[in-house]
C-alpha atoms as a PDB file:
ATOM      1  CA  MET A   1       0.000   0.000   0.000  1.00  0.00           C
ATOM      2  CA  ASP A   2       1.962   3.007  -1.238  1.00  0.00           C
ATOM      3  CA  VAL A   3       0.825   6.274   0.230  1.00  0.00           C
ATOM      4  CA  GLY A   4       1.659   9.834  -0.792  1.00  0.00           C
ATOM      5  CA  GLY A   5       4.043  12.049   1.177  1.00  0.00           C
ATOM      6  CA  PRO A   6       3.106  13.917   4.331  1.00  0.00           C
ATOM      7  CA  ALA A   7       0.771  16.884   3.941  1.00  0.00           C
ATOM      8  CA  GLU A   8      -0.303  17.540   7.535  1.00  0.00           C
ATOM      9  CA  GLU A   9       1.413  19.968   9.888  1.00  0.00           C
ATOM     10  CA  SER A  10       4.064  18.321  12.038  1.00  0.00           C
ATOM     11  CA  ALA A  11       3.654  18.603  15.785  1.00  0.00           C
ATOM     12  CA  MET A  12       7.141  17.161  16.233  1.00  0.00           C
ATOM     13  CA  GLU A  13      10.000  16.304  13.909  1.00  0.00           C
ATOM     14  CA  ALA A  14      13.233  14.525  14.772  1.00  0.00           C
ATOM     15  CA  HIS A  15      16.131  14.585  12.302  1.00  0.00           C
ATOM     16  CA  GLY A  16      18.911  12.152  13.197  1.00  0.00           C
ATOM     17  CA  VAL A  17      18.407  12.809  16.909  1.00  0.00           C
ATOM     18  CA  GLY A  18      20.724  11.159  19.398  1.00  0.00           C
ATOM     19  CA  ARG A  19      21.427  11.585  23.081  1.00  0.00           C
ATOM     20  CA  LYS A  20      24.502  10.188  24.801  1.00  0.00           C
ATOM     21  CA  TYR A  21      25.001   9.709  28.539  1.00  0.00           C
ATOM     22  CA  ARG A  22      28.099   8.492  30.331  1.00  0.00           C
ATOM     23  CA  ARG A  23      26.783   4.937  30.174  1.00  0.00           C
ATOM     24  CA  GLY A  24      26.274   5.167  26.412  1.00  0.00           C
ATOM     25  CA  TRP A  25      23.700   6.232  23.842  1.00  0.00           C
ATOM     26  CA  ALA A  26      20.061   6.395  24.931  1.00  0.00           C
ATOM     27  CA  LEU A  27      18.913   7.322  21.419  1.00  0.00           C
ATOM     28  CA  ARG A  28      20.840   7.233  18.142  1.00  0.00           C
ATOM     29  CA  ASP A  29      19.964   8.458  14.638  1.00  0.00           C
ATOM     30  CA  CYS A  30      16.248   8.765  15.429  1.00  0.00           C
ATOM     31  CA  SER A  31      14.206  10.375  12.631  1.00  0.00           C
ATOM     32  CA  PHE A  32      10.413  10.681  12.457  1.00  0.00           C
ATOM     33  CA  ARG A  33       7.541  13.136  12.231  1.00  0.00           C
ATOM     34  CA  LEU A  34       4.438  13.178  14.407  1.00  0.00           C
ATOM     35  CA  PRO A  35       1.539  14.825  12.536  1.00  0.00           C
ATOM     36  CA  ALA A  36      -0.483  17.375  14.472  1.00  0.00           C
ATOM     37  CA  GLY A  37      -3.746  16.300  16.054  1.00  0.00           C
ATOM     38  CA  ARG A  38      -2.790  12.669  16.659  1.00  0.00           C
ATOM     39  CA  ILE A  39      -2.850  10.685  19.889  1.00  0.00           C
ATOM     40  CA  CYS A  40       0.426   8.814  19.705  1.00  0.00           C
ATOM     41  CA  GLY A  41       1.569   5.900  21.818  1.00  0.00           C
ATOM     42  CA  LEU A  42       5.307   5.852  22.562  1.00  0.00           C
ATOM     43  CA  VAL A  43       6.264   2.254  23.271  1.00  0.00           C
ATOM     44  CA  GLY A  44       9.501   0.582  24.239  1.00  0.00           C
ATOM     45  CA  PRO A  45      11.204  -1.424  26.980  1.00  0.00           C
ATOM     46  CA  ASN A  46      12.658   0.238  30.058  1.00  0.00           C
ATOM     47  CA  GLY A  47      15.759   2.210  29.141  1.00  0.00           C
ATOM     48  CA  ALA A  48      14.848   2.439  25.454  1.00  0.00           C
ATOM     49  CA  GLY A  49      14.932   6.253  25.445  1.00  0.00           C
ATOM     50  CA  LYS A  50      11.244   7.187  25.799  1.00  0.00           C
ATOM     51  CA  THR A  51      11.759   9.647  28.661  1.00  0.00           C
ATOM     52  CA  THR A  52      14.874  11.009  26.959  1.00  0.00           C
ATOM     53  CA  LEU A  53      12.901  11.765  23.796  1.00  0.00           C
ATOM     54  CA  MET A  54      10.117  13.508  25.714  1.00  0.00           C
ATOM     55  CA  SER A  55      12.611  15.474  27.803  1.00  0.00           C
ATOM     56  CA  MET A  56      14.267  16.800  24.648  1.00  0.00           C
ATOM     57  CA  ALA A  57      10.898  17.860  23.239  1.00  0.00           C
ATOM     58  CA  ALA A  58      10.128  19.611  26.555  1.00  0.00           C
ATOM     59  CA  ASN A  59      13.489  21.440  26.543  1.00  0.00           C
ATOM     60  CA  LEU A  60      14.766  19.579  29.604  1.00  0.00           C
ATOM     61  CA  LEU A  61      17.597  17.917  27.648  1.00  0.00           C
ATOM     62  CA  GLU A  62      19.627  18.891  24.584  1.00  0.00           C
ATOM     63  CA  PRO A  63      20.291  16.356  21.810  1.00  0.00           C
ATOM     64  CA  THR A  64      23.891  15.232  21.526  1.00  0.00           C
ATOM     65  CA  GLU A  65      23.400  15.041  17.772  1.00  0.00           C
ATOM     66  CA  GLY A  66      20.660  15.911  15.300  1.00  0.00           C
ATOM     67  CA  THR A  67      17.776  18.337  15.665  1.00  0.00           C
ATOM     68  CA  LEU A  68      14.274  18.155  17.084  1.00  0.00           C
ATOM     69  CA  THR A  69      11.496  20.695  16.483  1.00  0.00           C
ATOM     70  CA  VAL A  70       8.052  21.304  17.990  1.00  0.00           C
ATOM     71  CA  PHE A  71       5.617  22.842  15.478  1.00  0.00           C
ATOM     72  CA  GLY A  72       8.657  23.910  13.467  1.00  0.00           C
ATOM     73  CA  ALA A  73      10.357  25.705  16.373  1.00  0.00           C
ATOM     74  CA  ALA A  74      13.257  24.681  18.607  1.00  0.00           C
ATOM     75  CA  PRO A  75      12.102  23.310  21.981  1.00  0.00           C
ATOM     76  CA  ARG A  76      14.031  26.096  23.760  1.00  0.00           C
ATOM     77  CA  SER A  77      12.055  28.797  21.923  1.00  0.00           C
ATOM     78  CA  ALA A  78       9.290  30.759  23.632  1.00  0.00           C
ATOM     79  CA  GLU A  79       6.783  29.570  21.011  1.00  0.00           C
ATOM     80  CA  ALA A  80       7.511  25.884  21.634  1.00  0.00           C
ATOM     81  CA  GLY A  81       7.433  26.400  25.399  1.00  0.00           C
ATOM     82  CA  ARG A  82       4.051  28.075  25.196  1.00  0.00           C
ATOM     83  CA  ARG A  83       2.584  25.285  23.065  1.00  0.00           C
ATOM     84  CA  THR A  84       3.991  22.301  25.005  1.00  0.00           C
ATOM     85  CA  ALA A  85       3.094  20.729  28.357  1.00  0.00           C
ATOM     86  CA  PHE A  86       5.063  17.841  29.878  1.00  0.00           C
ATOM     87  CA  LEU A  87       3.762  15.565  32.614  1.00  0.00           C
ATOM     88  CA  ALA A  88       6.777  13.646  33.928  1.00  0.00           C
ATOM     89  CA  GLN A  89       6.493  10.192  35.442  1.00  0.00           C
ATOM     90  CA  GLU A  90       7.560  11.562  38.850  1.00  0.00           C
ATOM     91  CA  LYS A  91       4.883  14.305  38.606  1.00  0.00           C
ATOM     92  CA  PRO A  92       6.974  16.936  40.428  1.00  0.00           C
ATOM     93  CA  LEU A  93       4.829  19.323  42.452  1.00  0.00           C
ATOM     94  CA  PHE A  94       5.594  21.651  45.360  1.00  0.00           C
ATOM     95  CA  ARG A  95       4.617  19.554  48.369  1.00  0.00           C
ATOM     96  CA  ARG A  96       4.013  22.560  50.655  1.00  0.00           C
ATOM     97  CA  PHE A  97       1.626  24.262  48.219  1.00  0.00           C
ATOM     98  CA  THR A  98      -2.084  23.690  48.526  1.00  0.00           C
ATOM     99  CA  VAL A  99      -4.012  22.458  45.522  1.00  0.00           C
ATOM    100  CA  ALA A 100      -5.479  25.952  45.049  1.00  0.00           C
ATOM    101  CA  GLU A 101      -1.991  27.511  45.210  1.00  0.00           C
ATOM    102  CA  THR A 102      -0.718  24.983  42.679  1.00  0.00           C
ATOM    103  CA  LEU A 103      -3.470  25.898  40.228  1.00  0.00           C
ATOM    104  CA  ARG A 104      -2.813  29.594  40.859  1.00  0.00           C
ATOM    105  CA  LEU A 105       0.840  28.998  39.958  1.00  0.00           C
ATOM    106  CA  GLY A 106      -0.306  27.439  36.695  1.00  0.00           C
ATOM    107  CA  ARG A 107      -2.526  30.452  36.035  1.00  0.00           C
ATOM    108  CA  GLU A 108       0.272  32.941  36.729  1.00  0.00           C
ATOM    109  CA  LEU A 109       2.799  31.170  34.504  1.00  0.00           C
ATOM    110  CA  ASN A 110       0.610  30.362  31.492  1.00  0.00           C
ATOM    111  CA  PRO A 111      -1.112  33.100  29.461  1.00  0.00           C
ATOM    112  CA  GLY A 112      -3.630  30.674  27.923  1.00  0.00           C
ATOM    113  CA  TRP A 113      -4.597  29.101  31.249  1.00  0.00           C
ATOM    114  CA  ASP A 114      -8.068  27.540  31.542  1.00  0.00           C
ATOM    115  CA  GLN A 115      -9.013  27.657  35.235  1.00  0.00           C
ATOM    116  CA  ARG A 116     -12.369  25.974  34.683  1.00  0.00           C
ATOM    117  CA  VAL A 117     -10.856  22.863  33.125  1.00  0.00           C
ATOM    118  CA  ALA A 118      -8.171  22.605  35.810  1.00  0.00           C
ATOM    119  CA  GLU A 119     -10.640  22.957  38.671  1.00  0.00           C
ATOM    120  CA  ASN A 120     -13.079  20.478  37.116  1.00  0.00           C
ATOM    121  CA  ILE A 121     -10.375  17.797  36.914  1.00  0.00           C
ATOM    122  CA  VAL A 122      -9.461  18.300  40.567  1.00  0.00           C
ATOM    123  CA  ARG A 123     -13.017  18.432  41.868  1.00  0.00           C
ATOM    124  CA  ALA A 124     -14.078  15.351  39.889  1.00  0.00           C
ATOM    125  CA  GLY A 125     -11.785  13.380  42.176  1.00  0.00           C
ATOM    126  CA  ASN A 126     -13.045  15.068  45.362  1.00  0.00           C
ATOM    127  CA  VAL A 127      -9.589  16.497  46.016  1.00  0.00           C
ATOM    128  CA  PRO A 128      -9.859  19.352  48.581  1.00  0.00           C
ATOM    129  CA  MET A 129      -8.592  22.635  47.167  1.00  0.00           C
ATOM    130  CA  GLU A 130      -7.158  23.602  50.561  1.00  0.00           C
ATOM    131  CA  ALA A 131      -5.190  20.334  50.981  1.00  0.00           C
ATOM    132  CA  LYS A 132      -1.401  20.491  50.735  1.00  0.00           C
ATOM    133  CA  ILE A 133       0.144  18.487  47.900  1.00  0.00           C
ATOM    134  CA  GLY A 134       2.320  16.549  50.364  1.00  0.00           C
ATOM    135  CA  THR A 135      -0.744  15.135  52.140  1.00  0.00           C
ATOM    136  CA  LEU A 136      -2.391  13.754  48.984  1.00  0.00           C
ATOM    137  CA  SER A 137      -2.319  10.157  47.836  1.00  0.00           C
ATOM    138  CA  GLY A 138      -0.359   9.232  44.726  1.00  0.00           C
ATOM    139  CA  GLY A 139      -3.524   9.107  42.639  1.00  0.00           C
ATOM    140  CA  GLN A 140      -4.666  12.511  43.912  1.00  0.00           C
ATOM    141  CA  ARG A 141      -1.285  14.076  43.105  1.00  0.00           C
ATOM    142  CA  THR A 142      -1.512  12.600  39.634  1.00  0.00           C
ATOM    143  CA  ARG A 143      -4.925  14.206  39.191  1.00  0.00           C
ATOM    144  CA  VAL A 144      -3.541  17.620  40.217  1.00  0.00           C
ATOM    145  CA  ALA A 145      -0.624  17.164  37.815  1.00  0.00           C
ATOM    146  CA  PHE A 146      -3.096  16.366  35.029  1.00  0.00           C
ATOM    147  CA  ALA A 147      -5.034  19.517  35.928  1.00  0.00           C
ATOM    148  CA  LEU A 148      -1.857  21.577  35.491  1.00  0.00           C
ATOM    149  CA  ALA A 149      -1.117  19.957  32.143  1.00  0.00           C
ATOM    150  CA  PHE A 150      -4.656  20.352  30.757  1.00  0.00           C
ATOM    151  CA  GLY A 151      -5.096  23.833  32.237  1.00  0.00           C
ATOM    152  CA  LYS A 152      -2.183  25.108  30.176  1.00  0.00           C
ATOM    153  CA  ARG A 153      -4.198  24.315  27.030  1.00  0.00           C
ATOM    154  CA  PRO A 154      -1.132  23.001  25.173  1.00  0.00           C
ATOM    155  CA  ASP A 155      -1.025  22.123  21.496  1.00  0.00           C
ATOM    156  CA  LEU A 156       1.359  19.266  22.327  1.00  0.00           C
ATOM    157  CA  LEU A 157       0.833  17.266  25.509  1.00  0.00           C
ATOM    158  CA  LEU A 158       3.696  14.957  26.541  1.00  0.00           C
ATOM    159  CA  LEU A 159       2.709  12.258  29.045  1.00  0.00           C
ATOM    160  CA  ASP A 160       5.378   9.962  30.492  1.00  0.00           C
ATOM    161  CA  GLU A 161       3.710   6.860  32.014  1.00  0.00           C
ATOM    162  CA  PRO A 162       0.874   9.056  33.305  1.00  0.00           C
ATOM    163  CA  MET A 163      -1.481   6.326  34.582  1.00  0.00           C
ATOM    164  CA  SER A 164       0.968   4.098  36.474  1.00  0.00           C
ATOM    165  CA  ASP A 165      -0.330   4.985  39.966  1.00  0.00           C
ATOM    166  CA  LEU A 166      -4.049   5.223  39.165  1.00  0.00           C
ATOM    167  CA  ASP A 167      -6.660   2.575  39.856  1.00  0.00           C
ATOM    168  CA  PRO A 168      -8.558   1.199  36.817  1.00  0.00           C
ATOM    169  CA  LEU A 169     -11.655   3.346  37.391  1.00  0.00           C
ATOM    170  CA  VAL A 170      -9.696   6.621  37.592  1.00  0.00           C
ATOM    171  CA  ARG A 171      -7.515   5.541  34.635  1.00  0.00           C
ATOM    172  CA  HIS A 172     -10.660   5.088  32.559  1.00  0.00           C
ATOM    173  CA  GLU A 173     -11.975   8.500  33.639  1.00  0.00           C
ATOM    174  CA  ILE A 174      -8.702  10.319  32.889  1.00  0.00           C
ATOM    175  CA  MET A 175      -8.368   8.520  29.546  1.00  0.00           C
ATOM    176  CA  SER A 176     -11.884   9.583  28.565  1.00  0.00           C
ATOM    177  CA  LEU A 177     -11.037  13.156  29.549  1.00  0.00           C
ATOM    178  CA  LEU A 178      -7.857  12.986  27.484  1.00  0.00           C
ATOM    179  CA  LEU A 179      -9.760  11.819  24.410  1.00  0.00           C
ATOM    180  CA  SER A 180     -12.528  14.419  24.716  1.00  0.00           C
ATOM    181  CA  GLU A 181     -10.123  17.310  25.326  1.00  0.00           C
ATOM    182  CA  ALA A 182      -7.871  16.248  22.443  1.00  0.00           C
ATOM    183  CA  ALA A 183     -10.848  15.918  20.097  1.00  0.00           C
ATOM    184  CA  GLU A 184     -12.364  19.261  21.116  1.00  0.00           C
ATOM    185  CA  HIS A 185      -9.171  21.301  20.892  1.00  0.00           C
ATOM    186  CA  GLY A 186      -7.107  19.329  18.358  1.00  0.00           C
ATOM    187  CA  THR A 187      -4.404  18.641  20.924  1.00  0.00           C
ATOM    188  CA  THR A 188      -1.530  16.393  19.864  1.00  0.00           C
ATOM    189  CA  VAL A 189      -0.724  13.835  22.560  1.00  0.00           C
ATOM    190  CA  LEU A 190       2.474  11.808  22.870  1.00  0.00           C
ATOM    191  CA  MET A 191       2.016   9.252  25.642  1.00  0.00           C
ATOM    192  CA  SER A 192       4.418   6.564  26.801  1.00  0.00           C
ATOM    193  CA  SER A 193       2.880   3.532  28.444  1.00  0.00           C
ATOM    194  CA  HIS A 194       3.559  -0.111  29.297  1.00  0.00           C
ATOM    195  CA  MET A 195      -0.193  -0.814  29.314  1.00  0.00           C
ATOM    196  CA  LEU A 196      -0.327  -2.051  25.750  1.00  0.00           C
ATOM    197  CA  SER A 197      -3.953  -3.190  25.842  1.00  0.00           C
ATOM    198  CA  GLU A 198      -5.122   0.313  26.806  1.00  0.00           C
ATOM    199  CA  LEU A 199      -3.274   1.949  23.917  1.00  0.00           C
ATOM    200  CA  GLU A 200      -5.417   0.093  21.366  1.00  0.00           C
ATOM    201  CA  SER A 201      -8.573   2.010  22.316  1.00  0.00           C
ATOM    202  CA  VAL A 202      -6.820   5.385  22.617  1.00  0.00           C
ATOM    203  CA  CYS A 203      -4.001   5.841  20.107  1.00  0.00           C
ATOM    204  CA  ASP A 204      -4.232   6.375  16.360  1.00  0.00           C
ATOM    205  CA  PHE A 205      -0.460   6.752  15.853  1.00  0.00           C
ATOM    206  CA  LEU A 206       2.545   4.794  17.113  1.00  0.00           C
ATOM    207  CA  LEU A 207       6.239   5.293  17.784  1.00  0.00           C
ATOM    208  CA  VAL A 208       8.106   2.156  18.871  1.00  0.00           C
ATOM    209  CA  ILE A 209      11.710   2.485  20.025  1.00  0.00           C
ATOM    210  CA  SER A 210      14.097  -0.222  21.170  1.00  0.00           C
ATOM    211  CA  THR A 211      17.855  -0.520  21.649  1.00  0.00           C
ATOM    212  CA  GLY A 212      18.134   3.239  21.123  1.00  0.00           C
ATOM    213  CA  GLY A 213      16.529   3.307  17.675  1.00  0.00           C
ATOM    214  CA  LEU A 214      13.164   3.712  16.012  1.00  0.00           C
ATOM    215  CA  ARG A 215      11.646   0.329  15.159  1.00  0.00           C
ATOM    216  CA  MET A 216       8.167   1.233  13.935  1.00  0.00           C
ATOM    217  CA  ALA A 217       6.202   4.436  13.315  1.00  0.00           C
ATOM    218  CA  GLY A 218       2.970   5.456  11.616  1.00  0.00           C
ATOM    219  CA  ASP A 219      -0.812   5.304  11.681  1.00  0.00           C
ATOM    220  CA  VAL A 220      -2.051   2.391  13.769  1.00  0.00           C
ATOM    221  CA  ASP A 221      -4.439   1.123  11.083  1.00  0.00           C
ATOM    222  CA  GLU A 222      -1.722   1.200   8.409  1.00  0.00           C
ATOM    223  CA  LEU A 223       0.782  -0.592  10.598  1.00  0.00           C
ATOM    224  CA  LEU A 224      -1.688  -3.303  11.543  1.00  0.00           C
ATOM    225  CA  SER A 225      -2.804  -3.892   7.949  1.00  0.00           C
ATOM    226  CA  ALA A 226       0.841  -4.192   6.817  1.00  0.00           C
ATOM    227  CA  HIS A 227       1.244  -7.341   8.951  1.00  0.00           C
ATOM    228  CA  VAL A 228      -0.253 -10.813   9.025  1.00  0.00           C
ATOM    229  CA  LEU A 229      -0.261 -13.175  11.985  1.00  0.00           C
ATOM    230  CA  LEU A 230       0.092 -16.794  10.847  1.00  0.00           C
ATOM    231  CA  GLN A 231      -0.610 -19.943  12.810  1.00  0.00           C
ATOM    232  CA  GLY A 232       0.014 -23.494  11.707  1.00  0.00           C
ATOM    233  CA  ALA A 233       1.609 -26.833  12.471  1.00  0.00           C
ATOM    234  CA  VAL A 234       5.378 -27.114  12.882  1.00  0.00           C
ATOM    235  CA  GLY A 235       6.857 -28.598   9.731  1.00  0.00           C
ATOM    236  CA  GLY A 236       9.503 -31.286   9.456  1.00  0.00           C
ATOM    237  CA  GLU A 237      12.269 -29.141   7.974  1.00  0.00           C
ATOM    238  CA  GLY A 238      13.830 -28.115  11.308  1.00  0.00           C
ATOM    239  CA  PRO A 239      13.540 -25.432  13.998  1.00  0.00           C
ATOM    240  CA  GLY A 240      14.140 -22.412  11.750  1.00  0.00           C
ATOM    241  CA  VAL A 241      11.751 -20.240   9.745  1.00  0.00           C
ATOM    242  CA  PRO A 242       9.899 -22.379   7.151  1.00  0.00           C
ATOM    243  CA  ALA A 243      11.041 -22.049   3.559  1.00  0.00           C
ATOM    244  CA  GLU A 244       7.645 -20.769   2.357  1.00  0.00           C
ATOM    245  CA  LEU A 245       8.116 -17.634   4.512  1.00  0.00           C
ATOM    246  CA  ALA A 246      11.585 -16.848   3.171  1.00  0.00           C
ATOM    247  CA  GLY A 247      10.274 -14.364   0.614  1.00  0.00           C
ATOM    248  CA  HIS A 248       8.499 -12.275   3.249  1.00  0.00           C
ATOM    249  CA  THR A 249       9.751 -10.021   6.045  1.00  0.00           C
ATOM    250  CA  VAL A 250       9.527 -12.172   9.164  1.00  0.00           C
ATOM    251  CA  VAL A 251       9.241 -10.065  12.305  1.00  0.00           C
ATOM    252  CA  GLU A 252       8.904 -13.012  14.683  1.00  0.00           C
ATOM    253  CA  TYR A 253       8.696 -16.791  14.406  1.00  0.00           C
ATOM    254  CA  ARG A 254       7.886 -18.900  17.466  1.00  0.00           C
ATOM    255  CA  THR A 255       6.991 -22.505  18.160  1.00  0.00           C
ATOM    256  CA  SER A 256       5.174 -24.051  21.109  1.00  0.00           C
ATOM    257  CA  GLY A 257       4.973 -27.824  20.916  1.00  0.00           C
ATOM    258  CA  ARG A 258       3.642 -28.590  17.438  1.00  0.00           C
ATOM    259  CA  GLN A 259       2.141 -25.119  16.976  1.00  0.00           C
ATOM    260  CA  ALA A 260       4.000 -22.399  15.036  1.00  0.00           C
ATOM    261  CA  THR A 261       3.193 -18.682  15.071  1.00  0.00           C
ATOM    262  CA  ALA A 262       4.719 -16.110  12.743  1.00  0.00           C
ATOM    263  CA  LEU A 263       4.240 -12.375  12.420  1.00  0.00           C
ATOM    264  CA  ILE A 264       5.221 -11.271   8.939  1.00  0.00           C
ATOM    265  CA  ARG A 265       5.068  -8.338   6.556  1.00  0.00           C
ATOM    266  CA  PRO A 266       3.968 -10.226   3.441  1.00  0.00           C
ATOM    267  CA  ASP A 267       5.358  -9.590  -0.017  1.00  0.00           C
ATOM    268  CA  GLY A 268       2.582 -11.267  -2.003  1.00  0.00           C
ATOM    269  CA  PRO A 269       0.529 -14.403  -1.236  1.00  0.00           C
ATOM    270  CA  VAL A 270       1.673 -16.679   1.588  1.00  0.00           C
ATOM    271  CA  ALA A 271       2.202 -20.324   0.613  1.00  0.00           C
ATOM    272  CA  GLY A 272       1.577 -23.257   2.910  1.00  0.00           C
ATOM    273  CA  GLN A 273      -1.154 -24.394   5.267  1.00  0.00           C
ATOM    274  CA  TRP A 274      -1.435 -21.339   7.492  1.00  0.00           C
ATOM    275  CA  GLN A 275      -4.365 -19.719   9.244  1.00  0.00           C
ATOM    276  CA  SER A 276      -3.957 -15.971   8.930  1.00  0.00           C
ATOM    277  CA  HIS A 277      -5.484 -12.833  10.422  1.00  0.00           C
ATOM    278  CA  THR A 278      -4.595  -9.199  11.022  1.00  0.00           C
ATOM    279  CA  PRO A 279      -2.880  -8.932  14.428  1.00  0.00           C
ATOM    280  CA  HIS A 280      -4.251  -6.958  17.343  1.00  0.00           C
ATOM    281  CA  LEU A 281      -2.164  -3.980  18.423  1.00  0.00           C
ATOM    282  CA  GLU A 282      -0.859  -5.736  21.534  1.00  0.00           C
ATOM    283  CA  GLU A 283       0.253  -8.742  19.458  1.00  0.00           C
ATOM    284  CA  LEU A 284       2.058  -6.455  17.030  1.00  0.00           C
ATOM    285  CA  LEU A 285       3.829  -4.457  19.745  1.00  0.00           C
ATOM    286  CA  LEU A 286       4.889  -7.510  21.737  1.00  0.00           C
ATOM    287  CA  ALA A 287       6.406  -9.096  18.632  1.00  0.00           C
ATOM    288  CA  TYR A 288       8.521  -6.005  17.882  1.00  0.00           C
ATOM    289  CA  LEU A 289       9.552  -5.659  21.525  1.00  0.00           C
ATOM    290  CA  ARG A 290      10.560  -9.340  21.700  1.00  0.00           C
ATOM    291  CA  CYS A 291      12.505  -9.060  18.429  1.00  0.00           C
ATOM    292  CA  PRO A 292      14.461  -5.773  18.461  1.00  0.00           C
ATOM    293  CA  ASP A 293      16.512  -6.899  15.452  1.00  0.00           C
ATOM    294  CA  ALA A 294      13.451  -7.183  13.189  1.00  0.00           C
ATOM    295  CA  PRO A 295      13.633  -4.845  10.162  1.00  0.00           C
ATOM    296  CA  PRO A 296      12.092  -1.462  11.071  1.00  0.00           C
ATOM    297  CA  LEU A 297       8.900  -0.179   9.468  1.00  0.00           C
ATOM    298  CA  ILE A 298       8.396   3.569   9.100  1.00  0.00           C
ATOM    299  CA  SER A 299       5.240   4.463   7.194  1.00  0.00           C
ATOM    300  CA  PRO A 300       5.314   7.438   4.788  1.00  0.00           C
ATOM    301  CA  VAL A 301       3.286   9.701   7.082  1.00  0.00           C
ATOM    302  CA  ALA A 302       5.937   9.268   9.800  1.00  0.00           C
ATOM    303  CA  GLN A 303       8.943   9.925   7.567  1.00  0.00           C
ATOM    304  CA  VAL A 304      10.742  13.262   7.633  1.00  0.00           C
ATOM    305  CA  PRO A 305      11.600  14.920   4.319  1.00  0.00           C
ATOM    306  CA  GLY A 306      14.966  13.953   2.930  1.00  0.00           C
ATOM    307  CA  ARG A 307      15.378  10.803   5.057  1.00  0.00           C
ATOM    308  CA  VAL A 308      15.361   7.337   3.511  1.00  0.00           C
ATOM    309  CA  PRO A 309      13.783   4.821   5.928  1.00  0.00           C
ATOM    310  CA  GLY A 310      15.597   1.605   6.701  1.00  0.00           C
ATOM    311  CA  SER A 311      12.503  -0.517   6.116  1.00  0.00           C
ATOM    312  CA  GLY A 312      12.898  -0.703   2.350  1.00  0.00           C
ATOM    313  CA  GLY A 313       9.334   0.362   1.672  1.00  0.00           C
ATOM    314  CA  PHE A 314       5.827  -0.011   2.978  1.00  0.00           C
ATOM    315  CA  ARG A 315       3.372  -2.601   1.742  1.00  0.00           C
ATOM    316  CA  GLY A 316      -0.082  -3.608   2.777  1.00  0.00           C
ATOM    317  CA  ALA A 317      -0.867  -7.128   3.861  1.00  0.00           C
ATOM    318  CA  ALA A 318      -1.770  -9.828   1.382  1.00  0.00           C
ATOM    319  CA  ALA A 319      -2.445 -13.438   2.278  1.00  0.00           C
END
C-alpha cells in the first residue's frame, strides 16, 4: 500500500536525533515526524529512550546530535514552550503548596490558562482545594498534575507513564477526559505507556523504540494492515523459519509444541497451510519488543523529508 508524502502539519519532527550519557547512547539516529492532532503511543522497553525523547521535546535535555522541532520551532524557543506541556512520570509538584496555590501557579505562569478545566479535573476526584500536595495520595497528586497539564491548554501534551499509579476506574476517567479534550481542541498527545492493551482504544499513531533506535512508526491502522499473523503446524524441515516464509519479512517466528506462530510483513501471497489474520495492536507491539533486530517499518506519514527509511518500503498485507 503506497501512500503519498506527508501533507499535515508536524507537531514534532526529529532529524537524526541522538542523546549520549556516560553509560552510552540512549537514542541514536532517530528520525520521524508526528503529525499534528494525533494521539500517539510511545512504546519501548525500560531504558529504550522514551523519557529522553520527551525530555528533549520539553526542553529539559539537549540532543547530543541531530535536531528536534516542535511545530517547526526549537524546543528552547518561547513559542515551543508556550505550546507544550510535559507531565513527567515523577509528577513533580511543590509539596508545601495547597491544591489551590498549585493551580494559581499554573494560572500565573501560562497566558492561555483555563481555570475551569483545571478545577473540574481536581473536583471530579473530590480532592480538597485547601489540601497540601504533600498530604495527597499518589492518585490525587496525579490528578492535580493532570489539571496543570490540561489547564495550560497546550497544542502538544507529553505524558510519560501518566497512569501508572491510578486505579482502573480513575484511569478510565482520565483517559476519557484525554480523548474528549484532544478531540475538542485538536491537541496532539504523545504518551508513553507499558499498558499495551489500553493503547489500542486510545491511540491512532505509534512510535516504537528499542535498543536506542526507532523500530516502527505510523498510523495504527496502516501498521496493523501491513502485517499478518500466521498460525500453523510445525513442519519437518527443522527449527528455523519455514522455507515458504523466506520471501516475506519475518518479524517473529515462534513454536510451542507442534504449533507455530509467525508475524510477517507479506510480499505477495503466503504459501503453505497457514491460518492468517490481522494482528491486534498488543500482538504487534509484543512481537517487535521481543525481536528488536526485526527490520524497522516507518510508514510514509511518519517519515521526515529527505530521510530514507531503513525498512525498504511499505506494503499492505496480502495473504
